[in-house]
Protein backbone atom coordinates (compact mmCIF):
# COMPACT_ATOMS: atom_id res chain seq x y z
CA UNK A 1 -5.83 38.52 21.31
CA UNK A 2 -8.92 37.37 23.23
CA UNK A 3 -11.50 34.95 21.85
CA UNK A 4 -15.20 34.88 22.70
CA UNK A 5 -16.78 31.57 21.68
CA UNK A 6 -20.52 30.99 21.49
CA UNK A 7 -21.99 27.50 21.46
CA UNK A 8 -25.40 27.16 19.77
CA UNK A 9 -28.12 24.54 20.10
CA UNK A 10 -27.81 21.69 17.60
CA UNK A 11 -24.44 22.97 16.36
CA UNK A 12 -21.24 21.00 16.91
CA UNK A 13 -18.76 23.81 16.33
CA UNK A 14 -18.75 27.03 18.33
CA UNK A 15 -18.78 30.43 16.65
CA UNK A 16 -16.14 32.90 17.73
CA UNK A 17 -14.99 36.49 17.44
CA UNK A 18 -11.75 38.03 18.64
CA UNK A 19 -10.93 41.23 20.50
CA UNK A 20 -7.56 42.90 20.99
CA UNK A 21 -7.94 43.85 24.67
CA UNK A 22 -9.35 42.10 27.71
CA UNK A 23 -11.70 45.05 28.30
CA UNK A 24 -13.22 44.80 24.81
CA UNK A 25 -13.51 41.00 25.11
CA UNK A 26 -15.18 41.29 28.51
CA UNK A 27 -17.68 43.79 27.09
CA UNK A 28 -18.62 41.40 24.27
CA UNK A 29 -18.81 38.45 26.68
CA UNK A 30 -21.19 40.38 28.96
CA UNK A 31 -23.20 41.47 25.93
CA UNK A 32 -23.69 37.79 25.04
CA UNK A 33 -24.63 36.93 28.64
CA UNK A 34 -27.17 39.76 28.83
CA UNK A 35 -28.70 38.69 25.51
CA UNK A 36 -29.18 35.14 26.79
CA UNK A 37 -30.66 36.35 30.10
CA UNK A 38 -33.36 38.39 28.38
CA UNK A 39 -36.52 36.56 27.44
CA UNK A 40 -36.63 38.35 24.10
CA UNK A 41 -35.95 36.37 20.98
CA UNK A 42 -33.61 38.74 19.23
CA UNK A 43 -30.69 38.74 16.85
CA UNK A 44 -27.19 39.34 18.24
CA UNK A 45 -24.64 40.50 15.67
CA UNK A 46 -20.91 40.49 16.39
CA UNK A 47 -17.85 41.38 14.32
CA UNK A 48 -14.26 40.22 14.71
CA UNK A 49 -11.30 42.57 15.43
CA UNK A 50 -8.77 40.27 13.77
CA UNK A 51 -10.83 39.76 10.62
CA UNK A 52 -13.15 42.80 10.30
CA UNK A 53 -14.98 41.20 7.38
CA UNK A 54 -15.93 38.25 9.64
CA UNK A 55 -19.35 38.84 11.18
CA UNK A 56 -21.78 36.50 12.89
CA UNK A 57 -25.43 36.91 13.78
CA UNK A 58 -27.16 34.47 16.12
CA UNK A 59 -30.60 34.21 17.64
CA UNK A 60 -30.24 34.78 21.36
CA UNK A 61 -32.58 31.92 22.26
CA UNK A 62 -30.21 29.48 20.47
CA UNK A 63 -27.17 30.30 22.64
CA UNK A 64 -26.27 27.44 24.97
CA UNK A 65 -22.93 28.61 26.36
CA UNK A 66 -20.25 31.26 25.97
CA UNK A 67 -16.62 31.46 26.99
CA UNK A 68 -13.81 33.96 26.82
CA UNK A 69 -10.10 33.18 26.81
CA UNK A 70 -6.76 34.64 25.82
CA UNK A 71 -5.60 33.00 22.60
CA UNK A 72 -1.84 33.25 23.19
CA UNK A 73 -2.07 32.48 26.93
CA UNK A 74 -3.91 29.19 26.41
CA UNK A 75 -1.25 27.84 24.07
CA UNK A 76 1.64 29.00 26.24
CA UNK A 77 0.32 27.41 29.43
CA UNK A 78 -0.44 24.07 27.78
CA UNK A 79 -4.08 24.33 28.82
CA UNK A 80 -6.67 24.24 26.10
CA UNK A 81 -9.77 26.39 26.48
CA UNK A 82 -13.06 24.62 26.81
CA UNK A 83 -16.07 23.88 28.93
CA UNK A 84 -14.85 20.59 30.31
CA UNK A 85 -12.01 20.28 32.78
CA UNK A 86 -10.40 16.96 33.64
CA UNK A 87 -9.03 16.26 37.08
CA UNK A 88 -5.51 14.91 37.37
CA UNK A 89 -5.26 11.42 38.77
CA UNK A 90 -2.56 10.88 41.37
CA UNK A 91 -0.55 7.71 40.85
């Protein structure tokens, strides 16, 4: 399962939807990127593959950041998804 998270202005928690394949997730991720690049103030509506009843709608001018990651791969590698990466300090 792949997760696409969207961070909105003045909102502490990101919104997310899930896709079953990397191709579908990449399509949604690029859809979010294109919506933020356009100067139009429009509504972007997304639905979740895992929970079809889960839908989100966001104003494109409120999107601050987006990320895509594999849900099972992040847990298995010990790396948590996120926008901040910490460097390892050599001792």
